[in-house]
Amino acid sequence: MRAIYKKELKSYFTSAIAWVFLAFFLVLTGLFFFLYNLSGGSLNFSTVYGAIEIFFILLLIPVLTMKSMADEKHQKTDQLLYTSPISINKVVLGKYLALVTLFAMGLLIVSLYPIILQNLVRSVAEEGSTSYTVNYAVAYGSTLGFFLMGCAYIAIGVFVSSLTESQVIAAVVAFAFLFL
């Protein structure tokens, strides 16, 4: 399982998939962080996750997971994986954990946003007399919830990708499942 995990993670970073996913995820999160928290003056960080969820469902997860199993079937390398000495469960788990690791990397960067927000609030509060604080329990609780939701969405996407040989069909069907 560890060899498949490393191979998958390396393949995501040697191609443009990981970099495009991370860039798009961070740009979306940063944009909504700016709109809701910095421009809007809200200290509730969980609204950012609620705003990016639709983009997350529509674009990021189906595109990220469409390649995982469908590409193996298309290139006929799935036969090599199935005849290898490791079980199919370990193959799927290695691919799944590589995708979850990629998603967690983006969330680790986003988890710095509440700290940044609190530092900005503290610097503004020094000028005025009122002090405000960011509720870290809500911010990191919603980050954990978003991570778990992302893990579930990735599992659905990998499952749908295992059903077909075409990456496009895998992305469209994963979008349909996630949208429902």
N, C-alpha and C. Protein backbone atom coordinates (compact mmCIF):
# COMPACT_ATOMS: atom_id res chain seq x y z
N MET A 1 0.82 -1.18 0.00
CA MET A 1 0.00 0.00 0.00
C MET A 1 0.87 1.26 0.00
N ARG A 2 1.95 1.22 0.76
CA ARG A 2 2.82 2.39 0.84
C ARG A 2 3.45 2.72 -0.52
N ALA A 3 3.79 1.70 -1.29
CA ALA A 3 4.38 1.93 -2.61
C ALA A 3 3.37 2.59 -3.55
N ILE A 4 2.14 2.15 -3.50
CA ILE A 4 1.10 2.75 -4.35
C ILE A 4 0.81 4.17 -3.90
N TYR A 5 0.76 4.39 -2.59
CA TYR A 5 0.56 5.73 -2.04
C TYR A 5 1.65 6.68 -2.53
N LYS A 6 2.90 6.26 -2.41
CA LYS A 6 4.01 7.11 -2.84
C LYS A 6 3.98 7.34 -4.35
N LYS A 7 3.67 6.30 -5.12
CA LYS A 7 3.60 6.43 -6.58
C LYS A 7 2.51 7.40 -7.00
N GLU A 8 1.35 7.28 -6.38
CA GLU A 8 0.24 8.16 -6.72
C GLU A 8 0.54 9.60 -6.33
N LEU A 9 1.05 9.79 -5.13
CA LEU A 9 1.36 11.15 -4.68
C LEU A 9 2.44 11.79 -5.55
N LYS A 10 3.43 11.00 -5.91
CA LYS A 10 4.49 11.50 -6.79
C LYS A 10 3.94 11.83 -8.18
N SER A 11 3.02 10.99 -8.68
CA SER A 11 2.46 11.26 -10.01
C SER A 11 1.60 12.52 -10.02
N TYR A 12 0.94 12.82 -8.90
CA TYR A 12 0.15 14.05 -8.84
C TYR A 12 1.05 15.28 -8.86
N PHE A 13 2.19 15.20 -8.19
CA PHE A 13 3.07 16.36 -8.14
C PHE A 13 4.00 16.48 -9.34
N THR A 14 4.26 15.38 -10.05
CA THR A 14 5.07 15.50 -11.26
C THR A 14 4.24 15.97 -12.44
N SER A 15 2.94 15.73 -12.40
CA SER A 15 2.06 16.32 -13.40
C SER A 15 1.49 17.62 -12.82
N ALA A 16 0.63 18.25 -13.55
CA ALA A 16 0.10 19.53 -13.11
C ALA A 16 -1.12 19.39 -12.21
N ILE A 17 -1.58 18.17 -11.97
CA ILE A 17 -2.84 17.97 -11.24
C ILE A 17 -2.78 18.56 -9.83
N ALA A 18 -1.76 18.21 -9.08
CA ALA A 18 -1.67 18.68 -7.69
C ALA A 18 -1.50 20.19 -7.63
N TRP A 19 -0.66 20.72 -8.50
CA TRP A 19 -0.40 22.15 -8.46
C TRP A 19 -1.63 22.95 -8.86
N VAL A 20 -2.34 22.49 -9.86
CA VAL A 20 -3.56 23.19 -10.29
C VAL A 20 -4.64 23.08 -9.20
N PHE A 21 -4.79 21.88 -8.62
CA PHE A 21 -5.77 21.70 -7.55
C PHE A 21 -5.46 22.63 -6.38
N LEU A 22 -4.21 22.62 -5.91
CA LEU A 22 -3.84 23.46 -4.77
C LEU A 22 -4.00 24.94 -5.08
N ALA A 23 -3.59 25.35 -6.28
CA ALA A 23 -3.72 26.76 -6.66
C ALA A 23 -5.18 27.17 -6.72
N PHE A 24 -6.01 26.37 -7.37
CA PHE A 24 -7.42 26.71 -7.49
C PHE A 24 -8.10 26.72 -6.12
N PHE A 25 -7.79 25.73 -5.29
CA PHE A 25 -8.38 25.66 -3.96
C PHE A 25 -7.95 26.86 -3.11
N LEU A 26 -6.68 27.22 -3.16
CA LEU A 26 -6.20 28.33 -2.35
C LEU A 26 -6.69 29.68 -2.87
N VAL A 27 -6.82 29.81 -4.18
CA VAL A 27 -7.36 31.06 -4.73
C VAL A 27 -8.82 31.22 -4.35
N LEU A 28 -9.60 30.15 -4.47
CA LEU A 28 -11.01 30.21 -4.07
C LEU A 28 -11.17 30.52 -2.59
N THR A 29 -10.43 29.82 -1.77
CA THR A 29 -10.52 30.04 -0.33
C THR A 29 -10.05 31.45 0.03
N GLY A 30 -8.97 31.89 -0.58
CA GLY A 30 -8.47 33.24 -0.32
C GLY A 30 -9.44 34.31 -0.78
N LEU A 31 -10.09 34.09 -1.90
CA LEU A 31 -11.06 35.06 -2.40
C LEU A 31 -12.24 35.18 -1.45
N PHE A 32 -12.79 34.07 -1.02
CA PHE A 32 -13.92 34.13 -0.11
C PHE A 32 -13.51 34.57 1.30
N PHE A 33 -12.29 34.28 1.71
CA PHE A 33 -11.77 34.80 2.97
C PHE A 33 -11.69 36.31 2.91
N PHE A 34 -11.23 36.83 1.78
CA PHE A 34 -11.16 38.28 1.62
C PHE A 34 -12.56 38.89 1.60
N LEU A 35 -13.47 38.28 0.84
CA LEU A 35 -14.82 38.85 0.72
C LEU A 35 -15.60 38.80 2.03
N TYR A 36 -15.60 37.67 2.69
CA TYR A 36 -16.42 37.51 3.89
C TYR A 36 -15.75 38.05 5.15
N ASN A 37 -14.48 37.76 5.32
CA ASN A 37 -13.83 38.10 6.58
C ASN A 37 -13.13 39.45 6.55
N LEU A 38 -12.36 39.71 5.53
CA LEU A 38 -11.59 40.94 5.51
C LEU A 38 -12.44 42.13 5.06
N SER A 39 -13.13 41.99 3.93
CA SER A 39 -13.96 43.10 3.45
C SER A 39 -15.27 43.20 4.21
N GLY A 40 -15.86 42.04 4.51
CA GLY A 40 -17.15 42.02 5.19
C GLY A 40 -17.07 42.28 6.68
N GLY A 41 -15.91 42.14 7.26
CA GLY A 41 -15.74 42.40 8.68
C GLY A 41 -16.25 41.31 9.59
N SER A 42 -16.45 40.13 9.05
CA SER A 42 -16.94 39.01 9.85
C SER A 42 -15.77 38.26 10.47
N LEU A 43 -15.95 37.84 11.72
CA LEU A 43 -14.94 37.03 12.38
C LEU A 43 -15.27 35.55 12.34
N ASN A 44 -16.40 35.20 11.72
CA ASN A 44 -16.82 33.81 11.61
C ASN A 44 -16.18 33.19 10.37
N PHE A 45 -15.17 32.34 10.60
CA PHE A 45 -14.43 31.76 9.48
C PHE A 45 -15.19 30.63 8.80
N SER A 46 -16.18 30.05 9.46
CA SER A 46 -16.91 28.92 8.87
C SER A 46 -17.71 29.33 7.63
N THR A 47 -18.01 30.61 7.47
CA THR A 47 -18.74 31.05 6.28
C THR A 47 -17.93 30.86 5.01
N VAL A 48 -16.62 30.87 5.13
CA VAL A 48 -15.75 30.65 3.97
C VAL A 48 -15.96 29.25 3.42
N TYR A 49 -16.02 28.25 4.29
CA TYR A 49 -16.22 26.87 3.84
C TYR A 49 -17.60 26.67 3.23
N GLY A 50 -18.58 27.34 3.79
CA GLY A 50 -19.93 27.25 3.21
C GLY A 50 -19.99 27.85 1.82
N ALA A 51 -19.20 28.88 1.59
CA ALA A 51 -19.21 29.54 0.29
C ALA A 51 -18.46 28.74 -0.77
N ILE A 52 -17.37 28.09 -0.38
CA ILE A 52 -16.60 27.37 -1.41
C ILE A 52 -17.09 25.95 -1.61
N GLU A 53 -18.05 25.51 -0.81
CA GLU A 53 -18.51 24.12 -0.92
C GLU A 53 -19.07 23.81 -2.30
N ILE A 54 -19.82 24.71 -2.90
CA ILE A 54 -20.41 24.43 -4.20
C ILE A 54 -19.33 24.30 -5.28
N PHE A 55 -18.30 25.13 -5.22
CA PHE A 55 -17.19 25.00 -6.16
C PHE A 55 -16.41 23.72 -5.91
N PHE A 56 -16.33 23.37 -4.64
CA PHE A 56 -15.64 22.16 -4.23
C PHE A 56 -16.33 20.94 -4.82
N ILE A 57 -17.66 20.93 -4.75
CA ILE A 57 -18.44 19.82 -5.28
C ILE A 57 -18.44 19.82 -6.80
N LEU A 58 -18.63 20.99 -7.40
CA LEU A 58 -18.79 21.07 -8.85
C LEU A 58 -17.50 20.85 -9.62
N LEU A 59 -16.40 21.35 -9.10
CA LEU A 59 -15.18 21.35 -9.90
C LEU A 59 -14.04 20.51 -9.31
N LEU A 60 -13.69 20.80 -8.09
CA LEU A 60 -12.44 20.29 -7.57
C LEU A 60 -12.42 18.78 -7.36
N ILE A 61 -13.38 18.25 -6.66
CA ILE A 61 -13.35 16.82 -6.35
C ILE A 61 -13.56 15.95 -7.59
N PRO A 62 -14.55 16.22 -8.45
CA PRO A 62 -14.67 15.37 -9.64
C PRO A 62 -13.43 15.40 -10.53
N VAL A 63 -12.83 16.57 -10.69
CA VAL A 63 -11.64 16.66 -11.54
C VAL A 63 -10.45 15.99 -10.87
N LEU A 64 -10.37 16.09 -9.57
CA LEU A 64 -9.25 15.47 -8.85
C LEU A 64 -9.34 13.95 -8.85
N THR A 65 -10.53 13.41 -8.70
CA THR A 65 -10.67 11.96 -8.56
C THR A 65 -10.93 11.23 -9.86
N MET A 66 -11.18 11.94 -10.94
CA MET A 66 -11.56 11.27 -12.19
C MET A 66 -10.44 10.37 -12.73
N LYS A 67 -9.22 10.69 -12.41
CA LYS A 67 -8.08 9.95 -12.97
C LYS A 67 -7.72 8.72 -12.15
N SER A 68 -8.11 8.68 -10.91
CA SER A 68 -7.56 7.70 -9.97
C SER A 68 -7.69 6.26 -10.44
N MET A 69 -8.86 5.80 -10.75
CA MET A 69 -9.03 4.41 -11.18
C MET A 69 -9.32 4.30 -12.68
N ALA A 70 -9.97 5.30 -13.24
CA ALA A 70 -10.35 5.23 -14.66
C ALA A 70 -9.12 5.20 -15.56
N ASP A 71 -8.08 5.91 -15.17
CA ASP A 71 -6.86 5.93 -15.98
C ASP A 71 -6.17 4.57 -15.97
N GLU A 72 -6.24 3.88 -14.84
CA GLU A 72 -5.66 2.53 -14.76
C GLU A 72 -6.38 1.58 -15.72
N LYS A 73 -7.71 1.69 -15.77
CA LYS A 73 -8.47 0.84 -16.69
C LYS A 73 -8.19 1.21 -18.14
N HIS A 74 -8.11 2.50 -18.41
CA HIS A 74 -7.90 2.95 -19.78
C HIS A 74 -6.54 2.51 -20.32
N GLN A 75 -5.51 2.59 -19.50
CA GLN A 75 -4.17 2.20 -19.93
C GLN A 75 -3.90 0.71 -19.74
N LYS A 76 -4.89 0.00 -19.23
CA LYS A 76 -4.80 -1.46 -19.00
C LYS A 76 -3.73 -1.82 -17.97
N THR A 77 -3.39 -0.89 -17.09
CA THR A 77 -2.44 -1.20 -16.02
C THR A 77 -3.15 -1.75 -14.79
N ASP A 78 -4.48 -1.77 -14.83
CA ASP A 78 -5.20 -2.33 -13.70
C ASP A 78 -4.96 -3.84 -13.59
N GLN A 79 -4.72 -4.49 -14.71
CA GLN A 79 -4.44 -5.93 -14.65
C GLN A 79 -3.13 -6.19 -13.91
N LEU A 80 -2.17 -5.33 -14.09
CA LEU A 80 -0.90 -5.45 -13.37
C LEU A 80 -1.11 -5.25 -11.87
N LEU A 81 -1.96 -4.29 -11.51
CA LEU A 81 -2.23 -4.05 -10.10
C LEU A 81 -2.99 -5.21 -9.46
N TYR A 82 -3.93 -5.78 -10.21
CA TYR A 82 -4.74 -6.86 -9.65
C TYR A 82 -3.95 -8.16 -9.49
N THR A 83 -2.91 -8.34 -10.31
CA THR A 83 -2.10 -9.55 -10.20
C THR A 83 -0.89 -9.36 -9.29
N SER A 84 -0.72 -8.17 -8.76
CA SER A 84 0.40 -7.93 -7.85
C SER A 84 0.13 -8.62 -6.51
N PRO A 85 1.15 -8.80 -5.70
CA PRO A 85 0.97 -9.55 -4.45
C PRO A 85 0.18 -8.80 -3.37
N ILE A 86 -0.19 -7.55 -3.61
CA ILE A 86 -0.99 -6.85 -2.61
C ILE A 86 -2.46 -6.94 -2.97
N SER A 87 -3.31 -6.78 -1.99
CA SER A 87 -4.75 -6.93 -2.22
C SER A 87 -5.32 -5.69 -2.91
N ILE A 88 -6.50 -5.86 -3.48
CA ILE A 88 -7.18 -4.76 -4.16
C ILE A 88 -7.54 -3.67 -3.16
N ASN A 89 -7.88 -4.07 -1.95
CA ASN A 89 -8.20 -3.08 -0.91
C ASN A 89 -7.03 -2.15 -0.64
N LYS A 90 -5.83 -2.69 -0.63
CA LYS A 90 -4.65 -1.86 -0.39
C LYS A 90 -4.36 -0.95 -1.57
N VAL A 91 -4.65 -1.41 -2.78
CA VAL A 91 -4.47 -0.57 -3.96
C VAL A 91 -5.41 0.63 -3.89
N VAL A 92 -6.67 0.37 -3.61
CA VAL A 92 -7.65 1.44 -3.53
C VAL A 92 -7.35 2.37 -2.35
N LEU A 93 -6.96 1.80 -1.23
CA LEU A 93 -6.64 2.61 -0.05
C LEU A 93 -5.42 3.49 -0.30
N GLY A 94 -4.41 2.97 -0.99
CA GLY A 94 -3.24 3.78 -1.32
C GLY A 94 -3.59 4.95 -2.22
N LYS A 95 -4.43 4.71 -3.21
CA LYS A 95 -4.86 5.79 -4.10
C LYS A 95 -5.71 6.81 -3.35
N TYR A 96 -6.60 6.32 -2.49
CA TYR A 96 -7.47 7.20 -1.71
C TYR A 96 -6.65 8.07 -0.76
N LEU A 97 -5.71 7.46 -0.05
CA LEU A 97 -4.90 8.22 0.90
C LEU A 97 -4.01 9.25 0.21
N ALA A 98 -3.58 8.97 -1.00
CA ALA A 98 -2.80 9.97 -1.75
C ALA A 98 -3.67 11.19 -2.06
N LEU A 99 -4.91 10.96 -2.44
CA LEU A 99 -5.83 12.07 -2.71
C LEU A 99 -6.16 12.84 -1.44
N VAL A 100 -6.35 12.13 -0.33
CA VAL A 100 -6.65 12.79 0.94
C VAL A 100 -5.45 13.61 1.40
N THR A 101 -4.25 13.11 1.18
CA THR A 101 -3.04 13.86 1.53
C THR A 101 -2.94 15.15 0.73
N LEU A 102 -3.25 15.07 -0.54
CA LEU A 102 -3.24 16.26 -1.38
C LEU A 102 -4.26 17.28 -0.89
N PHE A 103 -5.44 16.83 -0.54
CA PHE A 103 -6.47 17.71 -0.01
C PHE A 103 -6.05 18.30 1.33
N ALA A 104 -5.43 17.48 2.19
CA ALA A 104 -5.00 17.95 3.50
C ALA A 104 -3.91 19.01 3.40
N MET A 105 -3.08 18.92 2.37
CA MET A 105 -2.04 19.95 2.18
C MET A 105 -2.66 21.32 1.96
N GLY A 106 -3.70 21.36 1.16
CA GLY A 106 -4.39 22.63 0.94
C GLY A 106 -5.04 23.13 2.21
N LEU A 107 -5.64 22.23 2.98
CA LEU A 107 -6.30 22.65 4.22
C LEU A 107 -5.30 23.09 5.29
N LEU A 108 -4.10 22.54 5.27
CA LEU A 108 -3.09 23.00 6.23
C LEU A 108 -2.74 24.46 6.00
N ILE A 109 -2.67 24.85 4.76
CA ILE A 109 -2.39 26.25 4.45
C ILE A 109 -3.58 27.12 4.84
N VAL A 110 -4.78 26.66 4.55
CA VAL A 110 -5.99 27.42 4.88
C VAL A 110 -6.18 27.53 6.39
N SER A 111 -5.67 26.57 7.14
CA SER A 111 -5.84 26.62 8.59
C SER A 111 -5.06 27.77 9.23
N LEU A 112 -4.21 28.43 8.47
CA LEU A 112 -3.51 29.61 8.97
C LEU A 112 -4.38 30.87 8.89
N TYR A 113 -5.44 30.84 8.12
CA TYR A 113 -6.28 32.03 7.92
C TYR A 113 -6.90 32.56 9.22
N PRO A 114 -7.43 31.73 10.13
CA PRO A 114 -7.94 32.30 11.38
C PRO A 114 -6.87 33.00 12.22
N ILE A 115 -5.65 32.49 12.18
CA ILE A 115 -4.56 33.15 12.91
C ILE A 115 -4.25 34.50 12.28
N ILE A 116 -4.22 34.54 10.96
CA ILE A 116 -4.00 35.80 10.25
C ILE A 116 -5.11 36.78 10.58
N LEU A 117 -6.35 36.30 10.59
CA LEU A 117 -7.49 37.16 10.90
C LEU A 117 -7.40 37.71 12.31
N GLN A 118 -7.02 36.89 13.26
CA GLN A 118 -6.89 37.37 14.64
C GLN A 118 -5.79 38.41 14.77
N ASN A 119 -4.67 38.23 14.05
CA ASN A 119 -3.61 39.22 14.10
C ASN A 119 -4.05 40.54 13.47
N LEU A 120 -4.84 40.47 12.41
CA LEU A 120 -5.36 41.70 11.81
C LEU A 120 -6.35 42.39 12.74
N VAL A 121 -7.18 41.62 13.41
CA VAL A 121 -8.15 42.19 14.35
C VAL A 121 -7.43 42.82 15.52
N ARG A 122 -6.38 42.17 15.99
CA ARG A 122 -5.62 42.70 17.12
C ARG A 122 -4.96 44.03 16.74
N SER A 123 -4.44 44.14 15.52
CA SER A 123 -3.78 45.39 15.12
C SER A 123 -4.79 46.50 14.93
N VAL A 124 -6.00 46.18 14.48
CA VAL A 124 -7.04 47.20 14.33
C VAL A 124 -7.60 47.59 15.69
N ALA A 125 -7.71 46.61 16.60
CA ALA A 125 -8.26 46.88 17.93
C ALA A 125 -7.34 47.77 18.75
N GLU A 126 -6.05 47.77 18.47
CA GLU A 126 -5.13 48.64 19.19
C GLU A 126 -5.42 50.10 18.90
N GLU A 127 -5.91 50.36 17.68
CA GLU A 127 -6.24 51.74 17.31
C GLU A 127 -7.52 52.19 17.99
N GLY A 128 -8.50 51.29 18.11
CA GLY A 128 -9.77 51.61 18.76
C GLY A 128 -9.80 51.06 20.17
N SER A 129 -10.96 51.22 20.81
CA SER A 129 -11.07 50.76 22.19
C SER A 129 -11.73 49.39 22.31
N THR A 130 -12.46 48.96 21.30
CA THR A 130 -13.17 47.69 21.36
C THR A 130 -12.25 46.55 20.92
N SER A 131 -12.30 45.42 21.66
CA SER A 131 -11.48 44.28 21.26
C SER A 131 -12.39 43.16 20.79
N TYR A 132 -12.01 42.53 19.72
CA TYR A 132 -12.73 41.40 19.15
C TYR A 132 -11.77 40.22 19.06
N THR A 133 -12.34 39.02 19.11
CA THR A 133 -11.51 37.83 18.99
C THR A 133 -12.15 36.85 18.02
N VAL A 134 -11.31 36.10 17.38
CA VAL A 134 -11.76 35.03 16.49
C VAL A 134 -12.02 33.81 17.36
N ASN A 135 -13.14 33.16 17.14
CA ASN A 135 -13.47 31.94 17.87
C ASN A 135 -12.74 30.78 17.19
N TYR A 136 -11.63 30.37 17.79
CA TYR A 136 -10.81 29.32 17.19
C TYR A 136 -11.52 27.97 17.19
N ALA A 137 -12.37 27.73 18.18
CA ALA A 137 -13.10 26.46 18.23
C ALA A 137 -14.02 26.33 17.01
N VAL A 138 -14.70 27.38 16.66
CA VAL A 138 -15.58 27.36 15.48
C VAL A 138 -14.75 27.27 14.21
N ALA A 139 -13.67 28.02 14.13
CA ALA A 139 -12.85 28.04 12.92
C ALA A 139 -12.21 26.67 12.66
N TYR A 140 -11.61 26.09 13.67
CA TYR A 140 -10.94 24.81 13.46
C TYR A 140 -11.91 23.63 13.50
N GLY A 141 -13.03 23.80 14.17
CA GLY A 141 -14.08 22.78 14.09
C GLY A 141 -14.68 22.70 12.70
N SER A 142 -14.89 23.87 12.08
CA SER A 142 -15.39 23.87 10.71
C SER A 142 -14.33 23.38 9.73
N THR A 143 -13.06 23.61 10.02
CA THR A 143 -11.99 23.07 9.18
C THR A 143 -11.96 21.55 9.27
N LEU A 144 -12.12 21.01 10.46
CA LEU A 144 -12.18 19.56 10.62
C LEU A 144 -13.40 18.98 9.90
N GLY A 145 -14.54 19.64 10.04
CA GLY A 145 -15.75 19.20 9.34
C GLY A 145 -15.59 19.24 7.83
N PHE A 146 -14.95 20.29 7.33
CA PHE A 146 -14.71 20.40 5.89
C PHE A 146 -13.74 19.32 5.42
N PHE A 147 -12.75 19.00 6.24
CA PHE A 147 -11.82 17.93 5.90
C PHE A 147 -12.54 16.59 5.82
N LEU A 148 -13.39 16.30 6.80
CA LEU A 148 -14.13 15.04 6.78
C LEU A 148 -15.11 14.97 5.62
N MET A 149 -15.75 16.10 5.31
CA MET A 149 -16.63 16.15 4.15
C MET A 149 -15.83 15.91 2.87
N GLY A 150 -14.65 16.50 2.78
CA GLY A 150 -13.80 16.29 1.62
C GLY A 150 -13.35 14.85 1.49
N CYS A 151 -13.06 14.20 2.62
CA CYS A 151 -12.69 12.78 2.59
C CYS A 151 -13.83 11.93 2.06
N ALA A 152 -15.05 12.24 2.48
CA ALA A 152 -16.22 11.50 1.99
C ALA A 152 -16.43 11.75 0.50
N TYR A 153 -16.28 12.98 0.06
CA TYR A 153 -16.43 13.30 -1.36
C TYR A 153 -15.36 12.61 -2.20
N ILE A 154 -14.14 12.56 -1.68
CA ILE A 154 -13.06 11.88 -2.40
C ILE A 154 -13.36 10.39 -2.51
N ALA A 155 -13.90 9.80 -1.46
CA ALA A 155 -14.26 8.38 -1.51
C ALA A 155 -15.32 8.12 -2.57
N ILE A 156 -16.30 9.01 -2.67
CA ILE A 156 -17.33 8.87 -3.70
C ILE A 156 -16.71 9.01 -5.08
N GLY A 157 -15.82 9.98 -5.24
CA GLY A 157 -15.16 10.19 -6.53
C GLY A 157 -14.30 9.02 -6.95
N VAL A 158 -13.58 8.41 -6.02
CA VAL A 158 -12.75 7.25 -6.35
C VAL A 158 -13.64 6.06 -6.71
N PHE A 159 -14.75 5.91 -6.00
CA PHE A 159 -15.68 4.83 -6.32
C PHE A 159 -16.24 4.99 -7.73
N VAL A 160 -16.67 6.20 -8.07
CA VAL A 160 -17.22 6.44 -9.40
C VAL A 160 -16.14 6.24 -10.46
N SER A 161 -14.92 6.64 -10.16
CA SER A 161 -13.83 6.45 -11.11
C SER A 161 -13.54 4.97 -11.35
N SER A 162 -13.81 4.14 -10.37
CA SER A 162 -13.57 2.70 -10.54
C SER A 162 -14.63 2.03 -11.41
N LEU A 163 -15.73 2.72 -11.64
CA LEU A 163 -16.82 2.13 -12.42
C LEU A 163 -16.64 2.29 -13.92
N THR A 164 -15.82 3.21 -14.35
CA THR A 164 -15.71 3.50 -15.77
C THR A 164 -14.26 3.59 -16.22
N GLU A 165 -14.09 3.55 -17.51
CA GLU A 165 -12.77 3.65 -18.12
C GLU A 165 -12.47 5.08 -18.56
N SER A 166 -13.51 5.87 -18.76
CA SER A 166 -13.36 7.24 -19.25
C SER A 166 -13.26 8.22 -18.08
N GLN A 167 -12.26 9.09 -18.16
CA GLN A 167 -12.09 10.08 -17.11
C GLN A 167 -13.19 11.13 -17.14
N VAL A 168 -13.65 11.49 -18.32
CA VAL A 168 -14.70 12.49 -18.45
C VAL A 168 -16.01 11.97 -17.86
N ILE A 169 -16.35 10.74 -18.18
CA ILE A 169 -17.57 10.14 -17.63
C ILE A 169 -17.44 10.03 -16.11
N ALA A 170 -16.27 9.69 -15.62
CA ALA A 170 -16.06 9.60 -14.18
C ALA A 170 -16.28 10.96 -13.51
N ALA A 171 -15.79 12.02 -14.13
CA ALA A 171 -15.97 13.36 -13.55
C ALA A 171 -17.44 13.78 -13.58
N VAL A 172 -18.14 13.52 -14.67
CA VAL A 172 -19.55 13.92 -14.78
C VAL A 172 -20.41 13.13 -13.81
N VAL A 173 -20.19 11.82 -13.71
CA VAL A 173 -21.00 11.00 -12.80
C VAL A 173 -20.66 11.35 -11.35
N ALA A 174 -19.41 11.61 -11.04
CA ALA A 174 -19.04 12.02 -9.68
C ALA A 174 -19.71 13.34 -9.34
N PHE A 175 -19.73 14.27 -10.29
CA PHE A 175 -20.44 15.53 -10.06
C PHE A 175 -21.91 15.29 -9.77
N ALA A 176 -22.54 14.40 -10.54
CA ALA A 176 -23.96 14.11 -10.34
C ALA A 176 -24.21 13.49 -8.97
N PHE A 177 -23.37 12.53 -8.57
CA PHE A 177 -23.52 11.93 -7.24
C PHE A 177 -23.33 12.96 -6.14
N LEU A 178 -22.30 13.79 -6.28
CA LEU A 178 -22.03 14.77 -5.23
C LEU A 178 -23.08 15.87 -5.19
N PHE A 179 -23.62 16.20 -6.34
CA PHE A 179 -24.65 17.24 -6.38
C PHE A 179 -25.93 16.76 -5.73
N LEU A 180 -26.23 15.48 -5.91
CA LEU A 180 -27.43 14.93 -5.26
C LEU A 180 -27.20 14.79 -3.77
